């Protein structure tokens, strides 16, 4: 019986070596492919499906922050003649003001050259709603939560807690408002007024984007821009969204209004480079193979160990 266990372990070790060699071969082939791409000099313009006409899809989810690589990917899509249109699939509660502005600007550049359609999922609020504004057509589900047009600046005050603990913070600001958001002392009225000025200006920038994107009077937008959220059905009636629907309706609209065939393939816009996609997948396969083999060997050893003593 111990001999059978040793033979089984040897077979497992041999399989592990073969897995390592297979993974090494994959990495070598990936390196050759990457070298060929770099030799041709077209690596910066790689987008999946770029070899033929297609519709690109950008998925916007989670917290929206400024993302240089995302902006670069959108600029590549804008320059790529194979991209006939862009669908922006949004499911995000919002993000930073700068992040929303950067995404809005990148999508606006795309919209200058080719059709952009936004499709809202469960949530498309605040910066998530801002991302939909450059689109020529905006679709939402009836139950989509959208809107939340506004800006918020938050801080906290722990000065009383610190006083009870006998801890006192000292700061030497270069100006009266440099530490206006300090959590170690109560906010002054002067500091609060200055921060309100900043928030008002950021809010007005948001209002201007909504007014331009939805072709609404600024005064009408201000009535809606108090932070309220709306369902997709309400948003249609308010002019914040064009129609109820999803990706299928977006493709139908593109075919009818922008002559983009509904049968064109749909390709995701990738923010990862060709090397990251290739080597990341190969390394993941290699790591998984090695770990799987180690787990099997350890289990076999543990199973047969009582019989070898």
C-alpha atoms as a PDB file:
ATOM      1  CA  UNK A   1       0.000   0.000   0.000  1.00  0.00           C
ATOM      2  CA  UNK A   2       2.790   2.541   0.732  1.00  0.00           C
ATOM      3  CA  UNK A   3       4.276   1.718  -2.683  1.00  0.00           C
ATOM      4  CA  UNK A   4       0.997   2.647  -4.398  1.00  0.00           C
ATOM      5  CA  UNK A   5       0.978   5.955  -2.557  1.00  0.00           C
ATOM      6  CA  UNK A   6       4.517   6.716  -3.704  1.00  0.00           C
ATOM      7  CA  UNK A   7       3.610   5.919  -7.302  1.00  0.00           C
ATOM      8  CA  UNK A   8       0.591   8.191  -7.117  1.00  0.00           C
ATOM      9  CA  UNK A   9       2.681  11.002  -5.692  1.00  0.00           C
ATOM     10  CA  UNK A  10       5.258  10.549  -8.459  1.00  0.00           C
ATOM     11  CA  UNK A  11       2.527  10.806 -11.084  1.00  0.00           C
ATOM     12  CA  UNK A  12       1.256  13.995  -9.478  1.00  0.00           C
ATOM     13  CA  UNK A  13       4.738  15.487  -9.446  1.00  0.00           C
ATOM     14  CA  UNK A  14       5.154  14.605 -13.120  1.00  0.00           C
ATOM     15  CA  UNK A  15       1.840  16.264 -13.974  1.00  0.00           C
ATOM     16  CA  UNK A  16       2.929  19.350 -12.059  1.00  0.00           C
ATOM     17  CA  UNK A  17       6.137  19.554 -14.071  1.00  0.00           C
ATOM     18  CA  UNK A  18       4.148  19.198 -17.301  1.00  0.00           C
ATOM     19  CA  UNK A  19       1.817  21.984 -16.148  1.00  0.00           C
ATOM     20  CA  UNK A  20       4.780  24.250 -15.554  1.00  0.00           C
ATOM     21  CA  UNK A  21       6.158  23.504 -19.018  1.00  0.00           C
ATOM     22  CA  UNK A  22       2.765  24.124 -20.632  1.00  0.00           C
ATOM     23  CA  UNK A  23       2.441  27.457 -18.822  1.00  0.00           C
ATOM     24  CA  UNK A  24       5.972  28.402 -19.887  1.00  0.00           C
ATOM     25  CA  UNK A  25       5.038  27.627 -23.491  1.00  0.00           C
ATOM     26  CA  UNK A  26       1.939  29.836 -23.225  1.00  0.00           C
ATOM     27  CA  UNK A  27       4.035  32.693 -21.846  1.00  0.00           C
ATOM     28  CA  UNK A  28       6.569  32.253 -24.640  1.00  0.00           C
ATOM     29  CA  UNK A  29       3.873  32.367 -27.316  1.00  0.00           C
ATOM     30  CA  UNK A  30       2.317  35.413 -25.657  1.00  0.00           C
ATOM     31  CA  UNK A  31       5.720  37.102 -25.657  1.00  0.00           C
ATOM     32  CA  UNK A  32       6.151  36.390 -29.360  1.00  0.00           C
ATOM     33  CA  UNK A  33       2.699  37.776 -30.090  1.00  0.00           C
ATOM     34  CA  UNK A  34       3.390  40.910 -28.050  1.00  0.00           C
ATOM     35  CA  UNK A  35       6.729  41.351 -29.777  1.00  0.00           C
ATOM     36  CA  UNK A  36       5.039  41.125 -33.154  1.00  0.00           C
ATOM     37  CA  UNK A  37       2.489  43.748 -32.141  1.00  0.00           C
ATOM     38  CA  UNK A  38       5.132  46.094 -30.796  1.00  0.00           C
ATOM     39  CA  UNK A  39       7.249  45.537 -33.935  1.00  0.00           C
ATOM     40  CA  UNK A  40       4.277  46.590 -36.070  1.00  0.00           C
ATOM     41  CA  UNK A  41       3.910  49.633 -33.835  1.00  0.00           C
ATOM     42  CA  UNK A  42       0.127  49.375 -33.409  1.00  0.00           C
ATOM     43  CA  UNK A  43      -0.044  48.400 -29.722  1.00  0.00           C
ATOM     44  CA  UNK A  44      -1.484  51.756 -28.543  1.00  0.00           C
ATOM     45  CA  UNK A  45      -4.499  51.365 -30.825  1.00  0.00           C
ATOM     46  CA  UNK A  46      -5.502  47.863 -29.777  1.00  0.00           C
ATOM     47  CA  UNK A  47      -9.203  47.472 -29.019  1.00  0.00           C
ATOM     48  CA  UNK A  48     -10.916  44.081 -29.077  1.00  0.00           C
ATOM     49  CA  UNK A  49     -12.640  43.670 -32.425  1.00  0.00           C
ATOM     50  CA  UNK A  50     -10.730  46.529 -34.044  1.00  0.00           C
ATOM     51  CA  UNK A  51     -10.160  44.387 -37.129  1.00  0.00           C
ATOM     52  CA  UNK A  52     -13.827  44.710 -38.181  1.00  0.00           C
ATOM     53  CA  UNK A  53     -16.771  47.033 -37.759  1.00  0.00           C
ATOM     54  CA  UNK A  54     -18.379  46.724 -34.326  1.00  0.00           C
ATOM     55  CA  UNK A  55     -20.196  48.569 -31.559  1.00  0.00           C
ATOM     56  CA  UNK A  56     -18.080  49.305 -28.500  1.00  0.00           C
ATOM     57  CA  UNK A  57     -19.468  49.049 -25.004  1.00  0.00           C
ATOM     58  CA  UNK A  58     -18.088  50.900 -22.004  1.00  0.00           C
ATOM     59  CA  UNK A  59     -19.172  49.546 -18.625  1.00  0.00           C
ATOM     60  CA  UNK A  60     -19.278  52.194 -15.898  1.00  0.00           C
ATOM     61  CA  UNK A  61     -19.798  50.676 -12.464  1.00  0.00           C
ATOM     62  CA  UNK A  62     -18.974  51.403  -8.857  1.00  0.00           C
ATOM     63  CA  UNK A  63     -17.311  54.588  -7.676  1.00  0.00           C
ATOM     64  CA  UNK A  64     -16.334  56.920 -10.524  1.00  0.00           C
ATOM     65  CA  UNK A  65     -12.853  58.380 -10.077  1.00  0.00           C
ATOM     66  CA  UNK A  66     -10.527  60.030 -12.555  1.00  0.00           C
ATOM     67  CA  UNK A  67      -8.960  57.280 -14.664  1.00  0.00           C
ATOM     68  CA  UNK A  68      -6.269  58.181 -17.170  1.00  0.00           C
ATOM     69  CA  UNK A  69      -6.274  54.785 -18.839  1.00  0.00           C
ATOM     70  CA  UNK A  70     -10.038  54.892 -19.306  1.00  0.00           C
ATOM     71  CA  UNK A  71      -9.770  58.285 -20.999  1.00  0.00           C
ATOM     72  CA  UNK A  72      -7.028  56.929 -23.256  1.00  0.00           C
ATOM     73  CA  UNK A  73      -9.154  53.882 -24.155  1.00  0.00           C
ATOM     74  CA  UNK A  74     -12.053  56.146 -25.104  1.00  0.00           C
ATOM     75  CA  UNK A  75      -9.770  58.302 -27.216  1.00  0.00           C
ATOM     76  CA  UNK A  76      -8.594  55.165 -29.039  1.00  0.00           C
ATOM     77  CA  UNK A  77     -12.212  54.196 -29.649  1.00  0.00           C
ATOM     78  CA  UNK A  78     -12.890  57.694 -30.968  1.00  0.00           C
ATOM     79  CA  UNK A  79     -10.041  57.400 -33.491  1.00  0.00           C
ATOM     80  CA  UNK A  80     -10.840  53.824 -34.471  1.00  0.00           C
ATOM     81  CA  UNK A  81     -12.923  53.784 -37.673  1.00  0.00           C
ATOM     82  CA  UNK A  82     -14.021  50.216 -36.918  1.00  0.00           C
ATOM     83  CA  UNK A  83     -15.996  51.475 -33.916  1.00  0.00           C
ATOM     84  CA  UNK A  84     -19.370  52.480 -35.379  1.00  0.00           C
ATOM     85  CA  UNK A  85     -20.985  53.516 -32.084  1.00  0.00           C
ATOM     86  CA  UNK A  86     -20.463  53.393 -28.329  1.00  0.00           C
ATOM     87  CA  UNK A  87     -22.916  52.105 -25.731  1.00  0.00           C
ATOM     88  CA  UNK A  88     -22.262  53.326 -22.186  1.00  0.00           C
ATOM     89  CA  UNK A  89     -23.684  50.820 -19.701  1.00  0.00           C
ATOM     90  CA  UNK A  90     -24.000  52.612 -16.357  1.00  0.00           C
ATOM     91  CA  UNK A  91     -24.585  51.106 -12.924  1.00  0.00           C
ATOM     92  CA  UNK A  92     -22.998  53.535 -10.494  1.00  0.00           C
ATOM     93  CA  UNK A  93     -24.131  55.569  -7.487  1.00  0.00           C
ATOM     94  CA  UNK A  94     -21.660  58.341  -8.364  1.00  0.00           C
ATOM     95  CA  UNK A  95     -18.135  59.351  -7.538  1.00  0.00           C
ATOM     96  CA  UNK A  96     -15.868  62.352  -7.291  1.00  0.00           C
ATOM     97  CA  UNK A  97     -16.664  65.588  -9.075  1.00  0.00           C
ATOM     98  CA  UNK A  98     -13.380  65.459 -10.981  1.00  0.00           C
ATOM     99  CA  UNK A  99     -13.958  61.799 -11.894  1.00  0.00           C
ATOM    100  CA  UNK A 100     -17.396  62.540 -13.301  1.00  0.00           C
ATOM    101  CA  UNK A 101     -16.083  65.570 -15.176  1.00  0.00           C
ATOM    102  CA  UNK A 102     -13.203  63.593 -16.730  1.00  0.00           C
ATOM    103  CA  UNK A 103     -15.498  60.777 -17.893  1.00  0.00           C
ATOM    104  CA  UNK A 104     -18.022  63.288 -19.215  1.00  0.00           C
ATOM    105  CA  UNK A 105     -15.287  65.079 -21.177  1.00  0.00           C
ATOM    106  CA  UNK A 106     -13.913  61.843 -22.663  1.00  0.00           C
ATOM    107  CA  UNK A 107     -17.379  60.670 -23.741  1.00  0.00           C
ATOM    108  CA  UNK A 108     -18.142  64.113 -25.172  1.00  0.00           C
ATOM    109  CA  UNK A 109     -15.084  63.827 -27.398  1.00  0.00           C
ATOM    110  CA  UNK A 110     -16.307  60.448 -28.616  1.00  0.00           C
ATOM    111  CA  UNK A 111     -19.801  61.856 -29.243  1.00  0.00           C
ATOM    112  CA  UNK A 112     -18.341  64.491 -31.568  1.00  0.00           C
ATOM    113  CA  UNK A 113     -17.317  61.752 -34.029  1.00  0.00           C
ATOM    114  CA  UNK A 114     -19.718  58.842 -33.548  1.00  0.00           C
ATOM    115  CA  UNK A 115     -23.050  57.975 -31.910  1.00  0.00           C
ATOM    116  CA  UNK A 116     -23.057  57.443 -28.152  1.00  0.00           C
ATOM    117  CA  UNK A 117     -26.007  55.840 -26.364  1.00  0.00           C
ATOM    118  CA  UNK A 118     -26.337  55.486 -22.584  1.00  0.00           C
ATOM    119  CA  UNK A 119     -28.091  52.542 -20.942  1.00  0.00           C
ATOM    120  CA  UNK A 120     -28.800  52.857 -17.221  1.00  0.00           C
ATOM    121  CA  UNK A 121     -28.925  49.814 -14.983  1.00  0.00           C
ATOM    122  CA  UNK A 122     -30.050  49.671 -11.389  1.00  0.00           C
ATOM    123  CA  UNK A 123     -28.416  52.980 -10.435  1.00  0.00           C
ATOM    124  CA  UNK A 124     -27.099  55.926 -12.417  1.00  0.00           C
ATOM    125  CA  UNK A 125     -26.929  58.771  -9.933  1.00  0.00           C
ATOM    126  CA  UNK A 126     -24.796  61.861  -9.414  1.00  0.00           C
ATOM    127  CA  UNK A 127     -21.560  61.324 -11.394  1.00  0.00           C
ATOM    128  CA  UNK A 128     -23.221  58.184 -12.808  1.00  0.00           C
ATOM    129  CA  UNK A 129     -25.929  60.390 -14.276  1.00  0.00           C
ATOM    130  CA  UNK A 130     -23.311  62.870 -15.472  1.00  0.00           C
ATOM    131  CA  UNK A 131     -21.715  60.061 -17.513  1.00  0.00           C
ATOM    132  CA  UNK A 132     -24.956  59.699 -19.499  1.00  0.00           C
ATOM    133  CA  UNK A 133     -25.199  63.354 -20.507  1.00  0.00           C
ATOM    134  CA  UNK A 134     -22.997  63.269 -23.655  1.00  0.00           C
ATOM    135  CA  UNK A 135     -25.174  60.500 -25.129  1.00  0.00           C
ATOM    136  CA  UNK A 136     -27.473  61.202 -28.055  1.00  0.00           C
ATOM    137  CA  UNK A 137     -30.036  58.887 -26.470  1.00  0.00           C
ATOM    138  CA  UNK A 138     -30.445  57.805 -22.839  1.00  0.00           C
ATOM    139  CA  UNK A 139     -32.336  54.664 -21.848  1.00  0.00           C
ATOM    140  CA  UNK A 140     -33.260  53.592 -18.322  1.00  0.00           C
ATOM    141  CA  UNK A 141     -35.276  50.882 -16.680  1.00  0.00           C
ATOM    142  CA  UNK A 142     -38.501  51.957 -15.023  1.00  0.00           C
ATOM    143  CA  UNK A 143     -36.959  51.044 -11.669  1.00  0.00           C
ATOM    144  CA  UNK A 144     -33.585  52.687 -12.313  1.00  0.00           C
ATOM    145  CA  UNK A 145     -32.557  55.109  -9.559  1.00  0.00           C
ATOM    146  CA  UNK A 146     -31.113  58.189 -11.207  1.00  0.00           C
ATOM    147  CA  UNK A 147     -30.717  61.924 -10.745  1.00  0.00           C
ATOM    148  CA  UNK A 148     -29.095  63.032  -7.483  1.00  0.00           C
ATOM    149  CA  UNK A 149     -27.870  66.128  -9.310  1.00  0.00           C
ATOM    150  CA  UNK A 150     -25.772  67.884  -6.724  1.00  0.00           C
ATOM    151  CA  UNK A 151     -22.482  68.179  -4.890  1.00  0.00           C
ATOM    152  CA  UNK A 152     -21.613  67.419  -1.287  1.00  0.00           C
ATOM    153  CA  UNK A 153     -18.536  68.280   0.758  1.00  0.00           C
ATOM    154  CA  UNK A 154     -18.246  66.516   4.111  1.00  0.00           C
ATOM    155  CA  UNK A 155     -16.068  66.655   7.187  1.00  0.00           C
ATOM    156  CA  UNK A 156     -16.387  65.782  10.861  1.00  0.00           C
ATOM    157  CA  UNK A 157     -15.567  67.381  14.193  1.00  0.00           C
ATOM    158  CA  UNK A 158     -13.819  65.347  16.892  1.00  0.00           C
ATOM    159  CA  UNK A 159     -12.671  68.286  18.970  1.00  0.00           C
ATOM    160  CA  UNK A 160     -15.038  67.517  21.907  1.00  0.00           C
ATOM    161  CA  UNK A 161     -13.970  63.873  21.972  1.00  0.00           C
ATOM    162  CA  UNK A 162     -10.317  64.891  21.962  1.00  0.00           C
ATOM    163  CA  UNK A 163     -10.934  67.335  24.786  1.00  0.00           C
ATOM    164  CA  UNK A 164     -12.454  64.564  26.908  1.00  0.00           C
ATOM    165  CA  UNK A 165      -9.411  62.414  26.202  1.00  0.00           C
ATOM    166  CA  UNK A 166      -7.082  65.241  27.103  1.00  0.00           C
ATOM    167  CA  UNK A 167      -5.668  65.462  23.571  1.00  0.00           C
ATOM    168  CA  UNK A 168      -5.157  68.777  21.814  1.00  0.00           C
ATOM    169  CA  UNK A 169      -4.194  69.212  18.153  1.00  0.00           C
ATOM    170  CA  UNK A 170      -1.979  72.036  16.972  1.00  0.00           C
ATOM    171  CA  UNK A 171      -1.849  73.303  13.386  1.00  0.00           C
ATOM    172  CA  UNK A 172       0.015  76.109  11.677  1.00  0.00           C
ATOM    173  CA  UNK A 173      -1.919  76.936   8.487  1.00  0.00           C
ATOM    174  CA  UNK A 174      -0.502  79.297   5.898  1.00  0.00           C
ATOM    175  CA  UNK A 175      -3.821  81.102   5.673  1.00  0.00           C
ATOM    176  CA  UNK A 176      -7.102  81.518   7.526  1.00  0.00           C
ATOM    177  CA  UNK A 177      -8.917  78.939   5.344  1.00  0.00           C
ATOM    178  CA  UNK A 178      -6.177  76.366   4.846  1.00  0.00           C
ATOM    179  CA  UNK A 179      -7.524  74.167   7.650  1.00  0.00           C
ATOM    180  CA  UNK A 180     -11.201  74.978   7.126  1.00  0.00           C
ATOM    181  CA  UNK A 181     -12.002  71.237   6.929  1.00  0.00           C
ATOM    182  CA  UNK A 182      -9.876  70.264   9.920  1.00  0.00           C
ATOM    183  CA  UNK A 183     -11.665  67.665  12.088  1.00  0.00           C
ATOM    184  CA  UNK A 184      -9.747  68.869  15.142  1.00  0.00           C
ATOM    185  CA  UNK A 185     -11.662  72.093  15.669  1.00  0.00           C
ATOM    186  CA  UNK A 186     -15.177  73.418  15.001  1.00  0.00           C
ATOM    187  CA  UNK A 187     -15.641  74.995  11.597  1.00  0.00           C
ATOM    188  CA  UNK A 188     -15.745  78.771  11.618  1.00  0.00           C
ATOM    189  CA  UNK A 189     -18.572  80.656   9.916  1.00  0.00           C
ATOM    190  CA  UNK A 190     -16.038  82.288   7.598  1.00  0.00           C
ATOM    191  CA  UNK A 191     -14.651  78.884   6.635  1.00  0.00           C
ATOM    192  CA  UNK A 192     -18.156  77.492   6.102  1.00  0.00           C
ATOM    193  CA  UNK A 193     -19.006  80.396   3.807  1.00  0.00           C
ATOM    194  CA  UNK A 194     -15.890  79.800   1.709  1.00  0.00           C
ATOM    195  CA  UNK A 195     -16.642  76.105   1.356  1.00  0.00           C
ATOM    196  CA  UNK A 196     -20.226  76.870   0.392  1.00  0.00           C
ATOM    197  CA  UNK A 197     -18.879  79.119  -2.361  1.00  0.00           C
ATOM    198  CA  UNK A 198     -16.857  76.216  -3.761  1.00  0.00           C
ATOM    199  CA  UNK A 199     -19.793  73.810  -3.549  1.00  0.00           C
ATOM    200  CA  UNK A 200     -22.074  76.318  -5.296  1.00  0.00           C
ATOM    201  CA  UNK A 201     -19.634  76.688  -8.161  1.00  0.00           C
ATOM    202  CA  UNK A 202     -19.224  72.919  -8.551  1.00  0.00           C
ATOM    203  CA  UNK A 203     -23.003  72.542  -8.423  1.00  0.00           C
ATOM    204  CA  UNK A 204     -23.448  75.171 -11.116  1.00  0.00           C
ATOM    205  CA  UNK A 205     -20.985  73.300 -13.330  1.00  0.00           C
ATOM    206  CA  UNK A 206     -23.109  70.161 -12.926  1.00  0.00           C
ATOM    207  CA  UNK A 207     -26.278  72.118 -13.753  1.00  0.00           C
ATOM    208  CA  UNK A 208     -24.658  73.493 -16.908  1.00  0.00           C
ATOM    209  CA  UNK A 209     -23.732  69.970 -18.058  1.00  0.00           C
ATOM    210  CA  UNK A 210     -27.281  68.731 -17.510  1.00  0.00           C
ATOM    211  CA  UNK A 211     -28.793  71.739 -19.286  1.00  0.00           C
ATOM    212  CA  UNK A 212     -26.502  71.284 -22.295  1.00  0.00           C
ATOM    213  CA  UNK A 213     -26.758  67.499 -22.458  1.00  0.00           C
ATOM    214  CA  UNK A 214     -30.532  67.311 -22.011  1.00  0.00           C
ATOM    215  CA  UNK A 215     -31.297  70.574 -23.841  1.00  0.00           C
ATOM    216  CA  UNK A 216     -33.199  71.949 -20.872  1.00  0.00           C
ATOM    217  CA  UNK A 217     -33.352  75.522 -19.569  1.00  0.00           C
ATOM    218  CA  UNK A 218     -30.888  76.003 -16.690  1.00  0.00           C
ATOM    219  CA  UNK A 219     -33.681  77.282 -14.467  1.00  0.00           C
ATOM    220  CA  UNK A 220     -35.610  74.048 -15.030  1.00  0.00           C
ATOM    221  CA  UNK A 221     -32.542  71.991 -14.169  1.00  0.00           C
ATOM    222  CA  UNK A 222     -31.965  73.954 -10.963  1.00  0.00           C
ATOM    223  CA  UNK A 223     -35.480  73.021  -9.838  1.00  0.00           C
ATOM    224  CA  UNK A 224     -34.480  69.359 -10.122  1.00  0.00           C
ATOM    225  CA  UNK A 225     -30.873  69.717  -8.949  1.00  0.00           C
ATOM    226  CA  UNK A 226     -31.450  69.603  -5.208  1.00  0.00           C
ATOM    227  CA  UNK A 227     -30.036  66.133  -4.725  1.00  0.00           C
ATOM    228  CA  UNK A 228     -33.312  64.264  -5.239  1.00  0.00           C
ATOM    229  CA  UNK A 229     -33.282  60.863  -6.922  1.00  0.00           C
ATOM    230  CA  UNK A 230     -35.899  59.737  -9.410  1.00  0.00           C
ATOM    231  CA  UNK A 231     -37.042  56.447 -10.821  1.00  0.00           C
ATOM    232  CA  UNK A 232     -36.398  55.852 -14.499  1.00  0.00           C
ATOM    233  CA  UNK A 233     -40.086  56.303 -15.231  1.00  0.00           C
ATOM    234  CA  UNK A 234     -40.136  59.649 -13.420  1.00  0.00           C
ATOM    235  CA  UNK A 235     -36.918  60.726 -15.163  1.00  0.00           C
ATOM    236  CA  UNK A 236     -38.493  60.197 -18.591  1.00  0.00           C
ATOM    237  CA  UNK A 237     -41.368  62.511 -17.680  1.00  0.00           C
ATOM    238  CA  UNK A 238     -38.925  65.125 -16.379  1.00  0.00           C
ATOM    239  CA  UNK A 239     -36.749  65.058 -19.500  1.00  0.00           C
ATOM    240  CA  UNK A 240     -33.712  63.653 -17.709  1.00  0.00           C
ATOM    241  CA  UNK A 241     -33.970  60.375 -19.654  1.00  0.00           C
ATOM    242  CA  UNK A 242     -35.262  59.748 -23.183  1.00  0.00           C
ATOM    243  CA  UNK A 243     -36.943  56.355 -23.000  1.00  0.00           C
ATOM    244  CA  UNK A 244     -37.451  53.162 -21.050  1.00  0.00           C
ATOM    245  CA  UNK A 245     -35.327  50.294 -22.284  1.00  0.00           C
ATOM    246  CA  UNK A 246     -32.027  48.471 -22.204  1.00  0.00           C
ATOM    247  CA  UNK A 247     -29.281  47.408 -24.545  1.00  0.00           C
ATOM    248  CA  UNK A 248     -31.663  45.822 -27.059  1.00  0.00           C
ATOM    249  CA  UNK A 249     -33.579  49.083 -27.396  1.00  0.00           C
ATOM    250  CA  UNK A 250     -30.301  50.968 -27.693  1.00  0.00           C
ATOM    251  CA  UNK A 251     -29.207  48.751 -30.605  1.00  0.00           C
ATOM    252  CA  UNK A 252     -32.592  49.189 -32.293  1.00  0.00           C
ATOM    253  CA  UNK A 253     -32.343  52.969 -31.948  1.00  0.00           C
ATOM    254  CA  UNK A 254     -28.829  53.007 -33.376  1.00  0.00           C
ATOM    255  CA  UNK A 255     -30.004  50.968 -36.359  1.00  0.00           C
ATOM    256  CA  UNK A 256     -33.052  53.144 -37.027  1.00  0.00           C
ATOM    257  CA  UNK A 257     -31.612  56.584 -36.295  1.00  0.00           C
ATOM    258  CA  UNK A 258     -27.870  56.279 -36.938  1.00  0.00           C
ATOM    259  CA  UNK A 259     -27.702  53.495 -39.558  1.00  0.00           C
ATOM    260  CA  UNK A 260     -25.581  51.282 -37.285  1.00  0.00           C
ATOM    261  CA  UNK A 261     -26.564  47.693 -38.208  1.00  0.00           C
ATOM    262  CA  UNK A 262     -28.089  45.768 -35.316  1.00  0.00           C
ATOM    263  CA  UNK A 263     -26.090  42.705 -36.328  1.00  0.00           C
ATOM    264  CA  UNK A 264     -22.685  44.240 -35.689  1.00  0.00           C
ATOM    265  CA  UNK A 265     -20.752  42.496 -32.911  1.00  0.00           C
ATOM    266  CA  UNK A 266     -20.498  44.152 -29.526  1.00  0.00           C
ATOM    267  CA  UNK A 267     -17.013  44.547 -28.010  1.00  0.00           C
ATOM    268  CA  UNK A 268     -16.026  45.766 -24.567  1.00  0.00           C
ATOM    269  CA  UNK A 269     -13.690  48.745 -24.390  1.00  0.00           C
ATOM    270  CA  UNK A 270     -10.641  47.473 -22.524  1.00  0.00           C
ATOM    271  CA  UNK A 271      -8.623  49.708 -20.226  1.00  0.00           C
ATOM    272  CA  UNK A 272      -5.971  47.017 -19.727  1.00  0.00           C
ATOM    273  CA  UNK A 273      -3.086  46.931 -22.188  1.00  0.00           C
ATOM    274  CA  UNK A 274      -2.501  44.027 -24.561  1.00  0.00           C
ATOM    275  CA  UNK A 275       0.390  42.845 -22.419  1.00  0.00           C
ATOM    276  CA  UNK A 276      -1.698  42.918 -19.224  1.00  0.00           C
ATOM    277  CA  UNK A 277      -4.513  40.963 -20.849  1.00  0.00           C
ATOM    278  CA  UNK A 278      -2.155  38.389 -22.352  1.00  0.00           C
ATOM    279  CA  UNK A 279       0.376  37.933 -19.570  1.00  0.00           C
ATOM    280  CA  UNK A 280      -2.218  38.381 -16.836  1.00  0.00           C
ATOM    281  CA  UNK A 281      -4.297  35.506 -18.189  1.00  0.00           C
ATOM    282  CA  UNK A 282      -1.228  33.322 -18.725  1.00  0.00           C
ATOM    283  CA  UNK A 283       0.135  34.012 -15.251  1.00  0.00           C
ATOM    284  CA  UNK A 284      -3.285  33.344 -13.733  1.00  0.00           C
ATOM    285  CA  UNK A 285      -3.479  29.989 -15.503  1.00  0.00           C
ATOM    286  CA  UNK A 286       0.064  29.136 -14.390  1.00  0.00           C
ATOM    287  CA  UNK A 287      -0.600  30.054 -10.767  1.00  0.00           C
ATOM    288  CA  UNK A 288      -3.876  28.138 -10.692  1.00  0.00           C
ATOM    289  CA  UNK A 289      -2.227  25.035 -12.162  1.00  0.00           C
ATOM    290  CA  UNK A 290       0.606  25.085  -9.640  1.00  0.00           C
ATOM    291  CA  UNK A 291      -1.704  25.636  -6.673  1.00  0.00           C
ATOM    292  CA  UNK A 292      -4.090  22.911  -7.809  1.00  0.00           C
ATOM    293  CA  UNK A 293      -1.234  20.422  -8.109  1.00  0.00           C
ATOM    294  CA  UNK A 294       0.154  21.315  -4.696  1.00  0.00           C
ATOM    295  CA  UNK A 295      -3.268  20.927  -3.079  1.00  0.00           C
ATOM    296  CA  UNK A 296      -3.757  17.487  -4.653  1.00  0.00           C
ATOM    297  CA  UNK A 297      -0.291  16.281  -3.580  1.00  0.00           C
ATOM    298  CA  UNK A 298      -0.817  17.491  -0.018  1.00  0.00           C
ATOM    299  CA  UNK A 299      -4.195  15.761   0.191  1.00  0.00           C
ATOM    300  CA  UNK A 300      -2.799  12.498  -1.138  1.00  0.00           C
ATOM    301  CA  UNK A 301       0.118  12.659   1.291  1.00  0.00           C
ATOM    302  CA  UNK A 302      -2.227  13.317   4.207  1.00  0.00           C
ATOM    303  CA  UNK A 303      -4.489  10.436   3.131  1.00  0.00           C
ATOM    304  CA  UNK A 304      -1.691   7.838   2.863  1.00  0.00           C
ATOM    305  CA  UNK A 305       0.534   9.022   5.689  1.00  0.00           C
ATOM    306  CA  UNK A 306      -1.153   6.891   8.387  1.00  0.00           C
ATOM    307  CA  UNK A 307      -0.552   3.788   6.259  1.00  0.00           C
ATOM    308  CA  UNK A 308       3.175   4.393   5.778  1.00  0.00           C
ATOM    309  CA  UNK A 309       4.148   4.233   9.440  1.00  0.00           C
END
